[in-house]
PDB file of N, CA and C in Angstrom:
ATOM      1  N   MET A   1      83.408 192.341 152.803  1.00  0.00           N
ATOM      2  CA  MET A   1      84.383 191.139 153.366  1.00  0.00           C
ATOM      3  C   MET A   1      85.366 191.498 154.005  1.00  0.00           C
ATOM      4  N   ALA A   2      85.752 191.374 155.476  1.00  0.00           N
ATOM      5  CA  ALA A   2      86.928 191.386 155.616  1.00  0.00           C
ATOM      6  C   ALA A   2      88.021 190.401 155.647  1.00  0.00           C
ATOM      7  N   LEU A   3      89.099 190.547 155.252  1.00  0.00           N
ATOM      8  CA  LEU A   3      90.237 189.455 155.284  1.00  0.00           C
ATOM      9  C   LEU A   3      90.877 189.317 156.502  1.00  0.00           C
ATOM     10  N   ASP A   4      90.920 187.956 156.947  1.00  0.00           N
ATOM     11  CA  ASP A   4      91.645 187.600 158.152  1.00  0.00           C
ATOM     12  C   ASP A   4      93.024 187.245 157.966  1.00  0.00           C
ATOM     13  N   VAL A   5      93.050 186.392 157.002  1.00  0.00           N
ATOM     14  CA  VAL A   5      94.735 186.000 156.736  1.00  0.00           C
ATOM     15  C   VAL A   5      94.854 185.874 154.987  1.00  0.00           C
ATOM     16  N   ILE A   6      96.032 186.160 154.577  1.00  0.00           N
ATOM     17  CA  ILE A   6      96.181 186.092 153.239  1.00  0.00           C
ATOM     18  C   ILE A   6      97.425 184.954 153.158  1.00  0.00           C
ATOM     19  N   GLY A   7      97.294 184.064 152.427  1.00  0.00           N
ATOM     20  CA  GLY A   7      98.111 182.961 152.187  1.00  0.00           C
ATOM     21  C   GLY A   7      98.822 182.914 150.655  1.00  0.00           C
ATOM     22  N   ALA A   8      99.602 183.640 150.489  1.00  0.00           N
ATOM     23  CA  ALA A   8     100.043 183.812 149.055  1.00  0.00           C
ATOM     24  C   ALA A   8     101.441 182.962 148.871  1.00  0.00           C
ATOM     25  N   GLY A   9     101.505 182.355 147.726  1.00  0.00           N
ATOM     26  CA  GLY A   9     102.676 181.500 147.296  1.00  0.00           C
ATOM     27  C   GLY A   9     102.478 181.278 145.934  1.00  0.00           C
ATOM     28  N   MET A  10     103.836 180.714 145.577  1.00  0.00           N
ATOM     29  CA  MET A  10     103.909 180.260 144.003  1.00  0.00           C
ATOM     30  C   MET A  10     103.367 178.723 144.000  1.00  0.00           C
ATOM     31  N   GLY A  11     102.842 178.560 142.822  1.00  0.00           N
ATOM     32  CA  GLY A  11     102.291 177.078 142.398  1.00  0.00           C
ATOM     33  C   GLY A  11     103.331 175.915 142.773  1.00  0.00           C
ATOM     34  N   ARG A  12     102.904 174.969 143.340  1.00  0.00           N
ATOM     35  CA  ARG A  12     103.436 173.681 143.646  1.00  0.00           C
ATOM     36  C   ARG A  12     104.237 173.905 144.804  1.00  0.00           C
ATOM     37  N   THR A  13     104.022 174.902 145.954  1.00  0.00           N
ATOM     38  CA  THR A  13     104.548 175.016 147.100  1.00  0.00           C
ATOM     39  C   THR A  13     103.809 174.949 148.345  1.00  0.00           C
ATOM     40  N   GLY A  14     102.722 174.103 148.050  1.00  0.00           N
ATOM     41  CA  GLY A  14     101.948 173.691 149.206  1.00  0.00           C
ATOM     42  C   GLY A  14     100.544 174.707 149.383  1.00  0.00           C
ATOM     43  N   THR A  15     100.348 175.497 148.308  1.00  0.00           N
ATOM     44  CA  THR A  15      99.372 176.316 148.514  1.00  0.00           C
ATOM     45  C   THR A  15      97.778 175.769 148.660  1.00  0.00           C
ATOM     46  N   TYR A  16      97.749 174.759 148.058  1.00  0.00           N
ATOM     47  CA  TYR A  16      96.525 173.803 148.216  1.00  0.00           C
ATOM     48  C   TYR A  16      96.187 173.325 149.604  1.00  0.00           C
ATOM     49  N   SER A  17      97.340 172.876 149.940  1.00  0.00           N
ATOM     50  CA  SER A  17      97.476 172.288 151.387  1.00  0.00           C
ATOM     51  C   SER A  17      97.216 173.395 152.619  1.00  0.00           C
ATOM     52  N   LEU A  18      97.719 174.478 152.367  1.00  0.00           N
ATOM     53  CA  LEU A  18      97.522 175.651 153.078  1.00  0.00           C
ATOM     54  C   LEU A  18      96.144 176.069 153.000  1.00  0.00           C
ATOM     55  N   LYS A  19      95.386 175.969 151.790  1.00  0.00           N
ATOM     56  CA  LYS A  19      94.050 176.191 151.684  1.00  0.00           C
ATOM     57  C   LYS A  19      92.997 175.299 152.741  1.00  0.00           C
ATOM     58  N   LEU A  20      93.328 174.017 152.530  1.00  0.00           N
ATOM     59  CA  LEU A  20      92.581 173.089 153.199  1.00  0.00           C
ATOM     60  C   LEU A  20      92.948 173.299 154.858  1.00  0.00           C
ATOM     61  N   ALA A  21      94.094 173.499 155.230  1.00  0.00           N
ATOM     62  CA  ALA A  21      94.320 173.755 156.732  1.00  0.00           C
ATOM     63  C   ALA A  21      93.714 174.898 157.159  1.00  0.00           C
ATOM     64  N   LEU A  22      93.754 176.018 156.259  1.00  0.00           N
ATOM     65  CA  LEU A  22      92.934 177.154 157.045  1.00  0.00           C
ATOM     66  C   LEU A  22      91.624 176.925 156.982  1.00  0.00           C
ATOM     67  N   GLU A  23      90.887 176.128 156.103  1.00  0.00           N
ATOM     68  CA  GLU A  23      89.379 176.010 156.108  1.00  0.00           C
ATOM     69  C   GLU A  23      89.376 175.116 157.393  1.00  0.00           C
ATOM     70  N   HIS A  24      90.135 173.963 157.656  1.00  0.00           N
ATOM     71  CA  HIS A  24      89.951 173.235 158.896  1.00  0.00           C
ATOM     72  C   HIS A  24      89.985 173.909 160.137  1.00  0.00           C
ATOM     73  N   LEU A  25      90.712 175.070 160.148  1.00  0.00           N
ATOM     74  CA  LEU A  25      90.833 175.648 161.276  1.00  0.00           C
ATOM     75  C   LEU A  25      89.723 177.100 161.478  1.00  0.00           C
ATOM     76  N   GLY A  26      89.038 177.084 160.524  1.00  0.00           N
ATOM     77  CA  GLY A  26      87.959 177.833 160.652  1.00  0.00           C
ATOM     78  C   GLY A  26      88.077 179.194 159.645  1.00  0.00           C
ATOM     79  N   PHE A  27      89.155 179.226 158.952  1.00  0.00           N
ATOM     80  CA  PHE A  27      89.414 180.511 158.305  1.00  0.00           C
ATOM     81  C   PHE A  27      88.809 180.280 156.717  1.00  0.00           C
ATOM     82  N   GLY A  28      87.721 179.752 156.812  1.00  0.00           N
ATOM     83  CA  GLY A  28      87.136 179.337 155.360  1.00  0.00           C
ATOM     84  C   GLY A  28      85.824 180.117 155.036  1.00  0.00           C
ATOM     85  N   PRO A  29      85.468 180.191 153.716  1.00  0.00           N
ATOM     86  CA  PRO A  29      85.968 179.425 152.771  1.00  0.00           C
ATOM     87  C   PRO A  29      87.340 180.204 152.122  1.00  0.00           C
ATOM     88  N   CYS A  30      88.203 179.453 151.643  1.00  0.00           N
ATOM     89  CA  CYS A  30      89.474 180.037 151.212  1.00  0.00           C
ATOM     90  C   CYS A  30      89.221 179.987 149.607  1.00  0.00           C
ATOM     91  N   HIS A  31      90.097 180.991 148.940  1.00  0.00           N
ATOM     92  CA  HIS A  31      89.934 181.005 147.647  1.00  0.00           C
ATOM     93  C   HIS A  31      91.459 180.521 147.025  1.00  0.00           C
ATOM     94  N   HIS A  32      91.439 179.687 145.996  1.00  0.00           N
ATOM     95  CA  HIS A  32      92.508 179.064 145.521  1.00  0.00           C
ATOM     96  C   HIS A  32      92.572 179.309 143.930  1.00  0.00           C
ATOM     97  N   MET A  33      93.694 179.311 143.328  1.00  0.00           N
ATOM     98  CA  MET A  33      93.591 179.487 141.791  1.00  0.00           C
ATOM     99  C   MET A  33      92.917 178.033 141.073  1.00  0.00           C
ATOM    100  N   ALA A  34      92.647 176.976 142.034  1.00  0.00           N
ATOM    101  CA  ALA A  34      92.107 175.838 141.300  1.00  0.00           C
ATOM    102  C   ALA A  34      90.516 176.293 141.237  1.00  0.00           C
ATOM    103  N   ASP A  35      89.984 177.315 142.096  1.00  0.00           N
ATOM    104  CA  ASP A  35      88.616 177.716 141.787  1.00  0.00           C
ATOM    105  C   ASP A  35      88.636 178.694 140.665  1.00  0.00           C
ATOM    106  N   VAL A  36      89.895 179.439 140.319  1.00  0.00           N
ATOM    107  CA  VAL A  36      89.658 180.282 138.953  1.00  0.00           C
ATOM    108  C   VAL A  36      89.649 179.395 137.889  1.00  0.00           C
ATOM    109  N   HIS A  37      90.287 178.221 137.998  1.00  0.00           N
ATOM    110  CA  HIS A  37      90.248 177.477 136.735  1.00  0.00           C
ATOM    111  C   HIS A  37      88.933 176.985 136.353  1.00  0.00           C
ATOM    112  N   ALA A  38      87.968 176.667 137.502  1.00  0.00           N
ATOM    113  CA  ALA A  38      86.624 176.284 137.245  1.00  0.00           C
ATOM    114  C   ALA A  38      85.830 177.260 137.073  1.00  0.00           C
ATOM    115  N   ASN A  39      86.003 178.490 136.897  1.00  0.00           N
ATOM    116  CA  ASN A  39      85.212 179.711 136.663  1.00  0.00           C
ATOM    117  C   ASN A  39      85.498 180.326 135.330  1.00  0.00           C
ATOM    118  N   PRO A  40      84.898 180.363 134.318  1.00  0.00           N
ATOM    119  CA  PRO A  40      85.369 181.145 133.265  1.00  0.00           C
ATOM    120  C   PRO A  40      85.306 182.628 133.557  1.00  0.00           C
ATOM    121  N   GLU A  41      84.248 183.197 134.421  1.00  0.00           N
ATOM    122  CA  GLU A  41      84.492 184.598 134.561  1.00  0.00           C
ATOM    123  C   GLU A  41      85.802 185.091 135.277  1.00  0.00           C
ATOM    124  N   GLN A  42      86.075 184.263 136.402  1.00  0.00           N
ATOM    125  CA  GLN A  42      87.387 184.621 136.888  1.00  0.00           C
ATOM    126  C   GLN A  42      88.604 184.404 136.226  1.00  0.00           C
ATOM    127  N   LYS A  43      88.529 183.440 135.239  1.00  0.00           N
ATOM    128  CA  LYS A  43      89.820 183.344 134.329  1.00  0.00           C
ATOM    129  C   LYS A  43      89.946 184.604 133.565  1.00  0.00           C
ATOM    130  N   ALA A  44      88.845 185.118 132.904  1.00  0.00           N
ATOM    131  CA  ALA A  44      88.958 186.309 132.365  1.00  0.00           C
ATOM    132  C   ALA A  44      89.446 187.509 133.085  1.00  0.00           C
ATOM    133  N   LEU A  45      88.934 187.665 134.373  1.00  0.00           N
ATOM    134  CA  LEU A  45      89.487 188.623 135.246  1.00  0.00           C
ATOM    135  C   LEU A  45      90.800 188.696 135.522  1.00  0.00           C
ATOM    136  N   TRP A  46      91.390 187.404 135.808  1.00  0.00           N
ATOM    137  CA  TRP A  46      92.884 187.150 135.912  1.00  0.00           C
ATOM    138  C   TRP A  46      93.649 187.420 134.770  1.00  0.00           C
ATOM    139  N   ARG A  47      93.144 186.903 133.394  1.00  0.00           N
ATOM    140  CA  ARG A  47      93.804 187.169 132.212  1.00  0.00           C
ATOM    141  C   ARG A  47      94.048 188.763 132.044  1.00  0.00           C
ATOM    142  N   ALA A  48      92.829 189.467 132.213  1.00  0.00           N
ATOM    143  CA  ALA A  48      93.006 191.102 131.907  1.00  0.00           C
ATOM    144  C   ALA A  48      93.831 191.661 132.903  1.00  0.00           C
ATOM    145  N   ALA A  49      93.883 191.205 134.273  1.00  0.00           N
ATOM    146  CA  ALA A  49      94.927 191.590 135.037  1.00  0.00           C
ATOM    147  C   ALA A  49      96.371 191.384 134.854  1.00  0.00           C
ATOM    148  N   GLY A  50      96.671 190.302 134.280  1.00  0.00           N
ATOM    149  CA  GLY A  50      97.908 189.867 133.933  1.00  0.00           C
ATOM    150  C   GLY A  50      98.426 190.647 132.559  1.00  0.00           C
ATOM    151  N   GLN A  51      97.565 191.526 132.134  1.00  0.00           N
ATOM    152  CA  GLN A  51      97.701 192.118 130.772  1.00  0.00           C
ATOM    153  C   GLN A  51      97.703 193.855 131.267  1.00  0.00           C
ATOM    154  N   GLY A  52      97.601 193.938 132.591  1.00  0.00           N
ATOM    155  CA  GLY A  52      97.663 195.141 132.964  1.00  0.00           C
ATOM    156  C   GLY A  52      96.380 196.010 133.114  1.00  0.00           C
ATOM    157  N   GLN A  53      95.118 195.315 132.773  1.00  0.00           N
ATOM    158  CA  GLN A  53      93.678 195.767 132.934  1.00  0.00           C
ATOM    159  C   GLN A  53      93.327 195.424 134.257  1.00  0.00           C
ATOM    160  N   LEU A  54      93.668 196.257 135.266  1.00  0.00           N
ATOM    161  CA  LEU A  54      93.046 195.782 136.521  1.00  0.00           C
ATOM    162  C   LEU A  54      91.678 196.148 136.852  1.00  0.00           C
ATOM    163  N   PRO A  55      91.026 195.209 137.364  1.00  0.00           N
ATOM    164  CA  PRO A  55      89.604 195.475 137.832  1.00  0.00           C
ATOM    165  C   PRO A  55      89.428 195.857 138.998  1.00  0.00           C
ATOM    166  N   THR A  56      88.150 196.518 139.375  1.00  0.00           N
ATOM    167  CA  THR A  56      87.859 197.148 140.684  1.00  0.00           C
ATOM    168  C   THR A  56      87.710 195.873 141.623  1.00  0.00           C
ATOM    169  N   TRP A  57      88.590 195.567 142.474  1.00  0.00           N
ATOM    170  CA  TRP A  57      88.282 194.434 143.278  1.00  0.00           C
ATOM    171  C   TRP A  57      87.324 194.755 144.355  1.00  0.00           C
TER     172      TRP A  57
END
């Protein structure tokens, strides 16, 4: 899958609004940290990455 746009930002700075806007413009589906909270497998990957155990993306 090729990436067209990366919209990165700190929490509480409009990232979810950006996700919705990008999807509305046709750049979707977009991945957001809200998706991570709903998926235990993704939570584990992000926790491991935070501890320096980088996965093969």
